[in-house]
Amino acid sequence: MSPKVMVIDDDLPTLEVMKLLLPRLGWDPIMVSNAVEALDLLEKEKPRLILLDIMMSPLNGWEFLKKLREKPEMRDIPVLLFTAKHIWPEEFSLYAEGVVGVLEKPVLPSDLRRVLEQFA
């Protein structure tokens, strides 16, 4: 059985590409178009990894991280920031707990594969 990865991104074309790509890389994707829905879904699904966009509404990625870390049963899920926004070291250090890295969009499938292999 393939490990589950939750992709949280409000950009529908990104979700569509990831929906096609992730199974080819050996992952079972859970696609979510907003962070509020993702928090609800995490009550039922526990993915091995979360790919998280930062620039979303009504809840942005940083707010999602804060709420995720408030739930003891979800604190241990690793989060990989998956964003077109450049993350400055000062900004990253504020939210680093539980964040295992940053992938800046656009990302090459080979780079995505390399990062995902760490969590397979």
PDB file of N, CA and C in Angstrom:
ATOM      1  N   MET A   1       0.847  -1.188   0.000  1.00  0.00           N
ATOM      2  CA  MET A   1       0.000   0.000   0.000  1.00  0.00           C
ATOM      3  C   MET A   1       0.887   1.245   0.000  1.00  0.00           C
ATOM      4  N   SER A   2       0.551   2.182  -0.841  1.00  0.00           N
ATOM      5  CA  SER A   2       1.336   3.409  -0.973  1.00  0.00           C
ATOM      6  C   SER A   2       1.121   4.331   0.219  1.00  0.00           C
ATOM      7  N   PRO A   3       2.178   5.023   0.642  1.00  0.00           N
ATOM      8  CA  PRO A   3       2.006   5.993   1.728  1.00  0.00           C
ATOM      9  C   PRO A   3       1.157   7.170   1.259  1.00  0.00           C
ATOM     10  N   LYS A   4       0.405   7.732   2.194  1.00  0.00           N
ATOM     11  CA  LYS A   4      -0.472   8.865   1.872  1.00  0.00           C
ATOM     12  C   LYS A   4       0.274  10.175   2.071  1.00  0.00           C
ATOM     13  N   VAL A   5       0.013  11.096   1.148  1.00  0.00           N
ATOM     14  CA  VAL A   5       0.531  12.455   1.256  1.00  0.00           C
ATOM     15  C   VAL A   5      -0.643  13.402   1.033  1.00  0.00           C
ATOM     16  N   MET A   6      -0.804  14.371   1.931  1.00  0.00           N
ATOM     17  CA  MET A   6      -1.851  15.380   1.777  1.00  0.00           C
ATOM     18  C   MET A   6      -1.232  16.610   1.137  1.00  0.00           C
ATOM     19  N   VAL A   7      -1.851  17.056   0.043  1.00  0.00           N
ATOM     20  CA  VAL A   7      -1.421  18.269  -0.643  1.00  0.00           C
ATOM     21  C   VAL A   7      -2.473  19.330  -0.365  1.00  0.00           C
ATOM     22  N   ILE A   8      -2.063  20.419   0.275  1.00  0.00           N
ATOM     23  CA  ILE A   8      -2.976  21.508   0.616  1.00  0.00           C
ATOM     24  C   ILE A   8      -2.555  22.717  -0.208  1.00  0.00           C
ATOM     25  N   ASP A   9      -3.391  23.060  -1.184  1.00  0.00           N
ATOM     26  CA  ASP A   9      -3.066  24.155  -2.100  1.00  0.00           C
ATOM     27  C   ASP A   9      -4.362  24.676  -2.698  1.00  0.00           C
ATOM     28  N   ASP A  10      -4.517  25.991  -2.756  1.00  0.00           N
ATOM     29  CA  ASP A  10      -5.736  26.560  -3.326  1.00  0.00           C
ATOM     30  C   ASP A  10      -5.652  26.763  -4.840  1.00  0.00           C
ATOM     31  N   ASP A  11      -4.524  26.396  -5.433  1.00  0.00           N
ATOM     32  CA  ASP A  11      -4.351  26.512  -6.880  1.00  0.00           C
ATOM     33  C   ASP A  11      -4.769  25.179  -7.512  1.00  0.00           C
ATOM     34  N   LEU A  12      -5.927  25.183  -8.184  1.00  0.00           N
ATOM     35  CA  LEU A  12      -6.475  23.940  -8.727  1.00  0.00           C
ATOM     36  C   LEU A  12      -5.584  23.295  -9.787  1.00  0.00           C
ATOM     37  N   PRO A  13      -4.933  24.055 -10.684  1.00  0.00           N
ATOM     38  CA  PRO A  13      -4.018  23.407 -11.623  1.00  0.00           C
ATOM     39  C   PRO A  13      -2.866  22.676 -10.914  1.00  0.00           C
ATOM     40  N   THR A  14      -2.365  23.247  -9.836  1.00  0.00           N
ATOM     41  CA  THR A  14      -1.311  22.573  -9.065  1.00  0.00           C
ATOM     42  C   THR A  14      -1.831  21.264  -8.497  1.00  0.00           C
ATOM     43  N   LEU A  15      -3.038  21.287  -7.952  1.00  0.00           N
ATOM     44  CA  LEU A  15      -3.625  20.058  -7.401  1.00  0.00           C
ATOM     45  C   LEU A  15      -3.798  19.002  -8.485  1.00  0.00           C
ATOM     46  N   GLU A  16      -4.234  19.418  -9.664  1.00  0.00           N
ATOM     47  CA  GLU A  16      -4.424  18.463 -10.761  1.00  0.00           C
ATOM     48  C   GLU A  16      -3.111  17.813 -11.174  1.00  0.00           C
ATOM     49  N   VAL A  17      -2.044  18.611 -11.285  1.00  0.00           N
ATOM     50  CA  VAL A  17      -0.737  18.069 -11.651  1.00  0.00           C
ATOM     51  C   VAL A  17      -0.255  17.094 -10.583  1.00  0.00           C
ATOM     52  N   MET A  18      -0.397  17.479  -9.329  1.00  0.00           N
ATOM     53  CA  MET A  18       0.064  16.621  -8.236  1.00  0.00           C
ATOM     54  C   MET A  18      -0.765  15.334  -8.155  1.00  0.00           C
ATOM     55  N   LYS A  19      -2.044  15.424  -8.481  1.00  0.00           N
ATOM     56  CA  LYS A  19      -2.919  14.253  -8.480  1.00  0.00           C
ATOM     57  C   LYS A  19      -2.444  13.219  -9.504  1.00  0.00           C
ATOM     58  N   LEU A  20      -1.899  13.687 -10.605  1.00  0.00           N
ATOM     59  CA  LEU A  20      -1.374  12.789 -11.635  1.00  0.00           C
ATOM     60  C   LEU A  20       0.047  12.312 -11.314  1.00  0.00           C
ATOM     61  N   LEU A  21       0.857  13.205 -10.777  1.00  0.00           N
ATOM     62  CA  LEU A  21       2.271  12.919 -10.561  1.00  0.00           C
ATOM     63  C   LEU A  21       2.542  12.027  -9.346  1.00  0.00           C
ATOM     64  N   LEU A  22       1.899  12.306  -8.239  1.00  0.00           N
ATOM     65  CA  LEU A  22       2.210  11.589  -6.996  1.00  0.00           C
ATOM     66  C   LEU A  22       2.015  10.074  -7.077  1.00  0.00           C
ATOM     67  N   PRO A  23       0.944   9.568  -7.698  1.00  0.00           N
ATOM     68  CA  PRO A  23       0.830   8.104  -7.819  1.00  0.00           C
ATOM     69  C   PRO A  23       1.978   7.498  -8.632  1.00  0.00           C
ATOM     70  N   ARG A  24       2.462   8.222  -9.609  1.00  0.00           N
ATOM     71  CA  ARG A  24       3.592   7.736 -10.400  1.00  0.00           C
ATOM     72  C   ARG A  24       4.877   7.684  -9.590  1.00  0.00           C
ATOM     73  N   LEU A  25       4.915   8.476  -8.525  1.00  0.00           N
ATOM     74  CA  LEU A  25       6.074   8.482  -7.632  1.00  0.00           C
ATOM     75  C   LEU A  25       5.880   7.532  -6.445  1.00  0.00           C
ATOM     76  N   GLY A  26       4.769   6.792  -6.452  1.00  0.00           N
ATOM     77  CA  GLY A  26       4.530   5.801  -5.402  1.00  0.00           C
ATOM     78  C   GLY A  26       3.756   6.296  -4.201  1.00  0.00           C
ATOM     79  N   TRP A  27       3.057   7.404  -4.344  1.00  0.00           N
ATOM     80  CA  TRP A  27       2.311   7.982  -3.226  1.00  0.00           C
ATOM     81  C   TRP A  27       0.812   7.992  -3.514  1.00  0.00           C
ATOM     82  N   ASP A  28       0.024   7.909  -2.457  1.00  0.00           N
ATOM     83  CA  ASP A  28      -1.432   7.992  -2.533  1.00  0.00           C
ATOM     84  C   ASP A  28      -1.822   9.418  -2.109  1.00  0.00           C
ATOM     85  N   PRO A  29      -2.182  10.282  -3.091  1.00  0.00           N
ATOM     86  CA  PRO A  29      -2.430  11.682  -2.743  1.00  0.00           C
ATOM     87  C   PRO A  29      -3.830  11.943  -2.181  1.00  0.00           C
ATOM     88  N   ILE A  30      -3.864  12.838  -1.223  1.00  0.00           N
ATOM     89  CA  ILE A  30      -5.107  13.376  -0.675  1.00  0.00           C
ATOM     90  C   ILE A  30      -5.078  14.860  -1.037  1.00  0.00           C
ATOM     91  N   MET A  31      -5.949  15.281  -1.927  1.00  0.00           N
ATOM     92  CA  MET A  31      -5.943  16.661  -2.423  1.00  0.00           C
ATOM     93  C   MET A  31      -6.946  17.512  -1.656  1.00  0.00           C
ATOM     94  N   VAL A  32      -6.469  18.651  -1.164  1.00  0.00           N
ATOM     95  CA  VAL A  32      -7.328  19.547  -0.389  1.00  0.00           C
ATOM     96  C   VAL A  32      -7.089  20.974  -0.872  1.00  0.00           C
ATOM     97  N   SER A  33      -8.167  21.693  -1.163  1.00  0.00           N
ATOM     98  CA  SER A  33      -8.023  23.020  -1.749  1.00  0.00           C
ATOM     99  C   SER A  33      -8.012  24.168  -0.750  1.00  0.00           C
ATOM    100  N   ASN A  34      -8.183  23.869   0.542  1.00  0.00           N
ATOM    101  CA  ASN A  34      -8.031  24.934   1.545  1.00  0.00           C
ATOM    102  C   ASN A  34      -7.667  24.326   2.897  1.00  0.00           C
ATOM    103  N   ALA A  35      -7.034  25.138   3.707  1.00  0.00           N
ATOM    104  CA  ALA A  35      -6.479  24.668   4.974  1.00  0.00           C
ATOM    105  C   ALA A  35      -7.550  24.334   6.008  1.00  0.00           C
ATOM    106  N   VAL A  36      -8.692  25.002   5.954  1.00  0.00           N
ATOM    107  CA  VAL A  36      -9.773  24.718   6.896  1.00  0.00           C
ATOM    108  C   VAL A  36     -10.293  23.299   6.651  1.00  0.00           C
ATOM    109  N   GLU A  37     -10.526  22.982   5.391  1.00  0.00           N
ATOM    110  CA  GLU A  37     -10.970  21.636   5.019  1.00  0.00           C
ATOM    111  C   GLU A  37      -9.916  20.591   5.404  1.00  0.00           C
ATOM    112  N   ALA A  38      -8.656  20.937   5.231  1.00  0.00           N
ATOM    113  CA  ALA A  38      -7.563  20.015   5.567  1.00  0.00           C
ATOM    114  C   ALA A  38      -7.577  19.668   7.054  1.00  0.00           C
ATOM    115  N   LEU A  39      -7.780  20.659   7.912  1.00  0.00           N
ATOM    116  CA  LEU A  39      -7.828  20.398   9.356  1.00  0.00           C
ATOM    117  C   LEU A  39      -8.964  19.436   9.695  1.00  0.00           C
ATOM    118  N   ASP A  40     -10.109  19.619   9.048  1.00  0.00           N
ATOM    119  CA  ASP A  40     -11.239  18.713   9.272  1.00  0.00           C
ATOM    120  C   ASP A  40     -10.910  17.299   8.789  1.00  0.00           C
ATOM    121  N   LEU A  41     -10.332  17.202   7.605  1.00  0.00           N
ATOM    122  CA  LEU A  41     -10.007  15.903   7.018  1.00  0.00           C
ATOM    123  C   LEU A  41      -8.954  15.160   7.830  1.00  0.00           C
ATOM    124  N   LEU A  42      -8.058  15.894   8.447  1.00  0.00           N
ATOM    125  CA  LEU A  42      -7.011  15.270   9.266  1.00  0.00           C
ATOM    126  C   LEU A  42      -7.566  14.560  10.501  1.00  0.00           C
ATOM    127  N   GLU A  43      -8.818  14.845  10.833  1.00  0.00           N
ATOM    128  CA  GLU A  43      -9.467  14.119  11.930  1.00  0.00           C
ATOM    129  C   GLU A  43      -9.704  12.663  11.528  1.00  0.00           C
ATOM    130  N   LYS A  44      -9.837  12.405  10.193  1.00  0.00           N
ATOM    131  CA  LYS A  44     -10.121  11.055   9.685  1.00  0.00           C
ATOM    132  C   LYS A  44      -8.920  10.408   9.005  1.00  0.00           C
ATOM    133  N   GLU A  45      -8.099  11.209   8.359  1.00  0.00           N
ATOM    134  CA  GLU A  45      -6.951  10.726   7.594  1.00  0.00           C
ATOM    135  C   GLU A  45      -5.660  11.153   8.279  1.00  0.00           C
ATOM    136  N   LYS A  46      -4.694  10.247   8.326  1.00  0.00           N
ATOM    137  CA  LYS A  46      -3.392  10.641   8.870  1.00  0.00           C
ATOM    138  C   LYS A  46      -2.330  10.311   7.819  1.00  0.00           C
ATOM    139  N   PRO A  47      -1.976  11.314   7.019  1.00  0.00           N
ATOM    140  CA  PRO A  47      -0.975  11.077   5.982  1.00  0.00           C
ATOM    141  C   PRO A  47       0.423  10.959   6.592  1.00  0.00           C
ATOM    142  N   ARG A  48       1.315  10.384   5.822  1.00  0.00           N
ATOM    143  CA  ARG A  48       2.706  10.281   6.259  1.00  0.00           C
ATOM    144  C   ARG A  48       3.403  11.636   6.142  1.00  0.00           C
ATOM    145  N   LEU A  49       2.885  12.495   5.238  1.00  0.00           N
ATOM    146  CA  LEU A  49       3.507  13.784   4.959  1.00  0.00           C
ATOM    147  C   LEU A  49       2.437  14.751   4.476  1.00  0.00           C
ATOM    148  N   ILE A  50       2.640  16.044   4.772  1.00  0.00           N
ATOM    149  CA  ILE A  50       1.777  17.103   4.250  1.00  0.00           C
ATOM    150  C   ILE A  50       2.631  18.030   3.396  1.00  0.00           C
ATOM    151  N   LEU A  51       2.158  18.294   2.167  1.00  0.00           N
ATOM    152  CA  LEU A  51       2.754  19.328   1.314  1.00  0.00           C
ATOM    153  C   LEU A  51       1.848  20.542   1.443  1.00  0.00           C
ATOM    154  N   LEU A  52       2.388  21.637   1.946  1.00  0.00           N
ATOM    155  CA  LEU A  52       1.578  22.790   2.340  1.00  0.00           C
ATOM    156  C   LEU A  52       1.957  24.054   1.591  1.00  0.00           C
ATOM    157  N   ASP A  53       0.977  24.623   0.907  1.00  0.00           N
ATOM    158  CA  ASP A  53       1.152  25.939   0.309  1.00  0.00           C
ATOM    159  C   ASP A  53       1.037  26.985   1.422  1.00  0.00           C
ATOM    160  N   ILE A  54       1.659  28.129   1.234  1.00  0.00           N
ATOM    161  CA  ILE A  54       1.612  29.189   2.251  1.00  0.00           C
ATOM    162  C   ILE A  54       0.539  30.225   1.926  1.00  0.00           C
ATOM    163  N   MET A  55       0.500  30.673   0.684  1.00  0.00           N
ATOM    164  CA  MET A  55      -0.403  31.766   0.305  1.00  0.00           C
ATOM    165  C   MET A  55      -1.769  31.214  -0.081  1.00  0.00           C
ATOM    166  N   MET A  56      -2.657  31.122   0.925  1.00  0.00           N
ATOM    167  CA  MET A  56      -4.020  30.630   0.736  1.00  0.00           C
ATOM    168  C   MET A  56      -4.953  31.463   1.596  1.00  0.00           C
ATOM    169  N   SER A  57      -6.237  31.297   1.341  1.00  0.00           N
ATOM    170  CA  SER A  57      -7.233  31.895   2.216  1.00  0.00           C
ATOM    171  C   SER A  57      -8.388  30.900   2.327  1.00  0.00           C
ATOM    172  N   PRO A  58      -9.206  30.938   3.309  1.00  0.00           N
ATOM    173  CA  PRO A  58      -9.261  31.925   4.377  1.00  0.00           C
ATOM    174  C   PRO A  58      -8.190  31.718   5.452  1.00  0.00           C
ATOM    175  N   LEU A  59      -7.534  30.580   5.447  1.00  0.00           N
ATOM    176  CA  LEU A  59      -6.489  30.282   6.425  1.00  0.00           C
ATOM    177  C   LEU A  59      -5.201  30.083   5.639  1.00  0.00           C
ATOM    178  N   ASN A  60      -4.156  30.862   5.949  1.00  0.00           N
ATOM    179  CA  ASN A  60      -2.907  30.677   5.200  1.00  0.00           C
ATOM    180  C   ASN A  60      -2.103  29.523   5.807  1.00  0.00           C
ATOM    181  N   GLY A  61      -1.013  29.181   5.146  1.00  0.00           N
ATOM    182  CA  GLY A  61      -0.208  28.046   5.581  1.00  0.00           C
ATOM    183  C   GLY A  61       0.360  28.202   6.974  1.00  0.00           C
ATOM    184  N   TRP A  62       0.788  29.412   7.311  1.00  0.00           N
ATOM    185  CA  TRP A  62       1.342  29.637   8.652  1.00  0.00           C
ATOM    186  C   TRP A  62       0.273  29.426   9.717  1.00  0.00           C
ATOM    187  N   GLU A  63      -0.941  29.915   9.449  1.00  0.00           N
ATOM    188  CA  GLU A  63      -2.046  29.737  10.405  1.00  0.00           C
ATOM    189  C   GLU A  63      -2.410  28.252  10.523  1.00  0.00           C
ATOM    190  N   PHE A  64      -2.386  27.558   9.390  1.00  0.00           N
ATOM    191  CA  PHE A  64      -2.650  26.117   9.399  1.00  0.00           C
ATOM    192  C   PHE A  64      -1.634  25.398  10.297  1.00  0.00           C
ATOM    193  N   LEU A  65      -0.362  25.723  10.136  1.00  0.00           N
ATOM    194  CA  LEU A  65       0.681  25.102  10.952  1.00  0.00           C
ATOM    195  C   LEU A  65       0.444  25.311  12.438  1.00  0.00           C
ATOM    196  N   LYS A  66       0.066  26.532  12.792  1.00  0.00           N
ATOM    197  CA  LYS A  66      -0.193  26.834  14.204  1.00  0.00           C
ATOM    198  C   LYS A  66      -1.328  25.956  14.733  1.00  0.00           C
ATOM    199  N   LYS A  67      -2.413  25.857  13.974  1.00  0.00           N
ATOM    200  CA  LYS A  67      -3.552  25.047  14.403  1.00  0.00           C
ATOM    201  C   LYS A  67      -3.207  23.553  14.428  1.00  0.00           C
ATOM    202  N   LEU A  68      -2.422  23.114  13.464  1.00  0.00           N
ATOM    203  CA  LEU A  68      -2.002  21.713  13.415  1.00  0.00           C
ATOM    204  C   LEU A  68      -1.197  21.351  14.655  1.00  0.00           C
ATOM    205  N   ARG A  69      -0.286  22.208  15.054  1.00  0.00           N
ATOM    206  CA  ARG A  69       0.585  21.948  16.197  1.00  0.00           C
ATOM    207  C   ARG A  69      -0.150  22.038  17.529  1.00  0.00           C
ATOM    208  N   GLU A  70      -1.351  22.626  17.522  1.00  0.00           N
ATOM    209  CA  GLU A  70      -2.167  22.685  18.739  1.00  0.00           C
ATOM    210  C   GLU A  70      -2.853  21.356  19.025  1.00  0.00           C
ATOM    211  N   LYS A  71      -2.879  20.467  18.029  1.00  0.00           N
ATOM    212  CA  LYS A  71      -3.555  19.177  18.178  1.00  0.00           C
ATOM    213  C   LYS A  71      -2.503  18.096  18.436  1.00  0.00           C
ATOM    214  N   PRO A  72      -2.425  17.575  19.659  1.00  0.00           N
ATOM    215  CA  PRO A  72      -1.378  16.609  20.000  1.00  0.00           C
ATOM    216  C   PRO A  72      -1.318  15.405  19.066  1.00  0.00           C
ATOM    217  N   GLU A  73      -2.474  14.930  18.593  1.00  0.00           N
ATOM    218  CA  GLU A  73      -2.495  13.748  17.741  1.00  0.00           C
ATOM    219  C   GLU A  73      -1.987  14.025  16.321  1.00  0.00           C
ATOM    220  N   MET A  74      -1.760  15.288  16.003  1.00  0.00           N
ATOM    221  CA  MET A  74      -1.307  15.654  14.655  1.00  0.00           C
ATOM    222  C   MET A  74       0.080  16.287  14.632  1.00  0.00           C
ATOM    223  N   ARG A  75       0.638  16.547  15.799  1.00  0.00           N
ATOM    224  CA  ARG A  75       1.936  17.231  15.888  1.00  0.00           C
ATOM    225  C   ARG A  75       3.063  16.501  15.179  1.00  0.00           C
ATOM    226  N   ASP A  76       2.973  15.185  15.118  1.00  0.00           N
ATOM    227  CA  ASP A  76       4.081  14.410  14.578  1.00  0.00           C
ATOM    228  C   ASP A  76       4.037  14.241  13.053  1.00  0.00           C
ATOM    229  N   ILE A  77       3.026  14.787  12.388  1.00  0.00           N
ATOM    230  CA  ILE A  77       2.962  14.685  10.928  1.00  0.00           C
ATOM    231  C   ILE A  77       3.949  15.692  10.340  1.00  0.00           C
ATOM    232  N   PRO A  78       4.939  15.225   9.583  1.00  0.00           N
ATOM    233  CA  PRO A  78       5.890  16.167   8.991  1.00  0.00           C
ATOM    234  C   PRO A  78       5.232  17.013   7.908  1.00  0.00           C
ATOM    235  N   VAL A  79       5.649  18.265   7.842  1.00  0.00           N
ATOM    236  CA  VAL A  79       5.106  19.211   6.874  1.00  0.00           C
ATOM    237  C   VAL A  79       6.247  19.730   6.009  1.00  0.00           C
ATOM    238  N   LEU A  80       6.036  19.661   4.708  1.00  0.00           N
ATOM    239  CA  LEU A  80       6.979  20.198   3.740  1.00  0.00           C
ATOM    240  C   LEU A  80       6.295  21.385   3.079  1.00  0.00           C
ATOM    241  N   LEU A  81       6.885  22.575   3.224  1.00  0.00           N
ATOM    242  CA  LEU A  81       6.302  23.743   2.590  1.00  0.00           C
ATOM    243  C   LEU A  81       6.468  23.602   1.090  1.00  0.00           C
ATOM    244  N   PHE A  82       5.389  23.836   0.358  1.00  0.00           N
ATOM    245  CA  PHE A  82       5.331  23.649  -1.085  1.00  0.00           C
ATOM    246  C   PHE A  82       4.718  24.932  -1.646  1.00  0.00           C
ATOM    247  N   THR A  83       5.573  25.898  -1.970  1.00  0.00           N
ATOM    248  CA  THR A  83       5.070  27.236  -2.205  1.00  0.00           C
ATOM    249  C   THR A  83       5.862  27.985  -3.272  1.00  0.00           C
ATOM    250  N   ALA A  84       5.206  28.937  -3.915  1.00  0.00           N
ATOM    251  CA  ALA A  84       5.873  29.824  -4.865  1.00  0.00           C
ATOM    252  C   ALA A  84       6.483  31.024  -4.140  1.00  0.00           C
ATOM    253  N   LYS A  85       6.132  31.187  -2.872  1.00  0.00           N
ATOM    254  CA  LYS A  85       6.639  32.303  -2.073  1.00  0.00           C
ATOM    255  C   LYS A  85       8.021  31.958  -1.540  1.00  0.00           C
ATOM    256  N   HIS A  86       8.957  32.853  -1.737  1.00  0.00           N
ATOM    257  CA  HIS A  86      10.283  32.631  -1.158  1.00  0.00           C
ATOM    258  C   HIS A  86      10.172  32.769   0.361  1.00  0.00           C
ATOM    259  N   ILE A  87      10.688  31.790   1.065  1.00  0.00           N
ATOM    260  CA  ILE A  87      10.638  31.796   2.528  1.00  0.00           C
ATOM    261  C   ILE A  87      11.988  32.282   3.053  1.00  0.00           C
ATOM    262  N   TRP A  88      11.971  33.412   3.725  1.00  0.00           N
ATOM    263  CA  TRP A  88      13.187  33.975   4.307  1.00  0.00           C
ATOM    264  C   TRP A  88      13.537  33.223   5.582  1.00  0.00           C
ATOM    265  N   PRO A  89      14.830  33.091   5.898  1.00  0.00           N
ATOM    266  CA  PRO A  89      15.231  32.352   7.102  1.00  0.00           C
ATOM    267  C   PRO A  89      14.556  32.856   8.379  1.00  0.00           C
ATOM    268  N   GLU A  90      14.384  34.166   8.487  1.00  0.00           N
ATOM    269  CA  GLU A  90      13.742  34.725   9.687  1.00  0.00           C
ATOM    270  C   GLU A  90      12.296  34.262   9.782  1.00  0.00           C
ATOM    271  N   GLU A  91      11.628  34.230   8.654  1.00  0.00           N
ATOM    272  CA  GLU A  91      10.236  33.799   8.604  1.00  0.00           C
ATOM    273  C   GLU A  91      10.148  32.297   8.916  1.00  0.00           C
ATOM    274  N   PHE A  92      11.023  31.518   8.312  1.00  0.00           N
ATOM    275  CA  PHE A  92      11.034  30.075   8.522  1.00  0.00           C
ATOM    276  C   PHE A  92      11.276  29.740   9.985  1.00  0.00           C
ATOM    277  N   SER A  93      12.189  30.448  10.628  1.00  0.00           N
ATOM    278  CA  SER A  93      12.533  30.139  12.019  1.00  0.00           C
ATOM    279  C   SER A  93      11.336  30.317  12.958  1.00  0.00           C
ATOM    280  N   LEU A  94      10.391  31.177  12.607  1.00  0.00           N
ATOM    281  CA  LEU A  94       9.204  31.371  13.441  1.00  0.00           C
ATOM    282  C   LEU A  94       8.293  30.149  13.438  1.00  0.00           C
ATOM    283  N   TYR A  95       8.346  29.365  12.352  1.00  0.00           N
ATOM    284  CA  TYR A  95       7.419  28.255  12.175  1.00  0.00           C
ATOM    285  C   TYR A  95       8.135  26.922  11.970  1.00  0.00           C
ATOM    286  N   ALA A  96       9.401  26.850  12.275  1.00  0.00           N
ATOM    287  CA  ALA A  96      10.229  25.698  11.913  1.00  0.00           C
ATOM    288  C   ALA A  96       9.812  24.390  12.581  1.00  0.00           C
ATOM    289  N   GLU A  97       9.161  24.456  13.736  1.00  0.00           N
ATOM    290  CA  GLU A  97       8.783  23.225  14.420  1.00  0.00           C
ATOM    291  C   GLU A  97       7.868  22.383  13.535  1.00  0.00           C
ATOM    292  N   GLY A  98       8.310  21.190  13.227  1.00  0.00           N
ATOM    293  CA  GLY A  98       7.494  20.289  12.417  1.00  0.00           C
ATOM    294  C   GLY A  98       7.617  20.485  10.924  1.00  0.00           C
ATOM    295  N   VAL A  99       8.305  21.526  10.500  1.00  0.00           N
ATOM    296  CA  VAL A  99       8.514  21.761   9.073  1.00  0.00           C
ATOM    297  C   VAL A  99       9.830  21.100   8.689  1.00  0.00           C
ATOM    298  N   VAL A 100       9.754  20.177   7.743  1.00  0.00           N
ATOM    299  CA  VAL A 100      10.932  19.382   7.388  1.00  0.00           C
ATOM    300  C   VAL A 100      11.699  19.948   6.194  1.00  0.00           C
ATOM    301  N   GLY A 101      11.139  20.971   5.563  1.00  0.00           N
ATOM    302  CA  GLY A 101      11.841  21.576   4.439  1.00  0.00           C
ATOM    303  C   GLY A 101      10.928  22.454   3.611  1.00  0.00           C
ATOM    304  N   VAL A 102      11.506  22.982   2.536  1.00  0.00           N
ATOM    305  CA  VAL A 102      10.778  23.882   1.641  1.00  0.00           C
ATOM    306  C   VAL A 102      11.054  23.457   0.203  1.00  0.00           C
ATOM    307  N   LEU A 103       9.998  23.321  -0.576  1.00  0.00           N
ATOM    308  CA  LEU A 103      10.105  23.120  -2.019  1.00  0.00           C
ATOM    309  C   LEU A 103       9.473  24.340  -2.666  1.00  0.00           C
ATOM    310  N   GLU A 104      10.267  25.084  -3.426  1.00  0.00           N
ATOM    311  CA  GLU A 104       9.716  26.261  -4.097  1.00  0.00           C
ATOM    312  C   GLU A 104       9.188  25.869  -5.465  1.00  0.00           C
ATOM    313  N   LYS A 105       7.968  26.286  -5.762  1.00  0.00           N
ATOM    314  CA  LYS A 105       7.352  26.031  -7.062  1.00  0.00           C
ATOM    315  C   LYS A 105       7.965  26.967  -8.096  1.00  0.00           C
ATOM    316  N   PRO A 106       8.073  26.554  -9.316  1.00  0.00           N
ATOM    317  CA  PRO A 106       7.769  25.218  -9.819  1.00  0.00           C
ATOM    318  C   PRO A 106       8.861  24.248  -9.415  1.00  0.00           C
ATOM    319  N   VAL A 107       8.465  22.995  -9.216  1.00  0.00           N
ATOM    320  CA  VAL A 107       9.415  21.961  -8.795  1.00  0.00           C
ATOM    321  C   VAL A 107       9.495  20.890  -9.875  1.00  0.00           C
ATOM    322  N   LEU A 108      10.684  20.416 -10.112  1.00  0.00           N
ATOM    323  CA  LEU A 108      10.886  19.340 -11.080  1.00  0.00           C
ATOM    324  C   LEU A 108      10.444  18.011 -10.457  1.00  0.00           C
ATOM    325  N   PRO A 109       9.847  17.129 -11.237  1.00  0.00           N
ATOM    326  CA  PRO A 109       9.454  15.826 -10.696  1.00  0.00           C
ATOM    327  C   PRO A 109      10.628  15.082 -10.050  1.00  0.00           C
ATOM    328  N   SER A 110      11.822  15.196 -10.609  1.00  0.00           N
ATOM    329  CA  SER A 110      12.987  14.515 -10.022  1.00  0.00           C
ATOM    330  C   SER A 110      13.318  15.068  -8.639  1.00  0.00           C
ATOM    331  N   ASP A 111      13.157  16.385  -8.445  1.00  0.00           N
ATOM    332  CA  ASP A 111      13.392  16.984  -7.127  1.00  0.00           C
ATOM    333  C   ASP A 111      12.317  16.550  -6.132  1.00  0.00           C
ATOM    334  N   LEU A 112      11.083  16.500  -6.607  1.00  0.00           N
ATOM    335  CA  LEU A 112       9.987  16.054  -5.748  1.00  0.00           C
ATOM    336  C   LEU A 112      10.215  14.602  -5.327  1.00  0.00           C
ATOM    337  N   ARG A 113      10.599  13.765  -6.281  1.00  0.00           N
ATOM    338  CA  ARG A 113      10.868  12.349  -5.982  1.00  0.00           C
ATOM    339  C   ARG A 113      11.970  12.227  -4.919  1.00  0.00           C
ATOM    340  N   ARG A 114      13.033  12.975  -5.086  1.00  0.00           N
ATOM    341  CA  ARG A 114      14.161  12.927  -4.154  1.00  0.00           C
ATOM    342  C   ARG A 114      13.722  13.286  -2.733  1.00  0.00           C
ATOM    343  N   VAL A 115      12.903  14.308  -2.612  1.00  0.00           N
ATOM    344  CA  VAL A 115      12.437  14.736  -1.282  1.00  0.00           C
ATOM    345  C   VAL A 115      11.461  13.706  -0.703  1.00  0.00           C
ATOM    346  N   LEU A 116      10.546  13.218  -1.521  1.00  0.00           N
ATOM    347  CA  LEU A 116       9.553  12.261  -1.020  1.00  0.00           C
ATOM    348  C   LEU A 116      10.174  10.947  -0.579  1.00  0.00           C
ATOM    349  N   GLU A 117      11.268  10.547  -1.205  1.00  0.00           N
ATOM    350  CA  GLU A 117      11.931   9.301  -0.828  1.00  0.00           C
ATOM    351  C   GLU A 117      12.371   9.289   0.633  1.00  0.00           C
ATOM    352  N   GLN A 118      12.588  10.455   1.200  1.00  0.00           N
ATOM    353  CA  GLN A 118      12.988  10.550   2.604  1.00  0.00           C
ATOM    354  C   GLN A 118      11.860  10.120   3.548  1.00  0.00           C
ATOM    355  N   PHE A 119      10.626  10.121   3.041  1.00  0.00           N
ATOM    356  CA  PHE A 119       9.460   9.860   3.899  1.00  0.00           C
ATOM    357  C   PHE A 119       8.717   8.587   3.521  1.00  0.00           C
ATOM    358  N   ALA A 120       9.168   7.889   2.491  1.00  0.00           N
ATOM    359  CA  ALA A 120       8.478   6.694   2.002  1.00  0.00           C
ATOM    360  C   ALA A 120       8.556   5.549   3.000  1.00  0.00           C
TER     361      ALA A 120
END
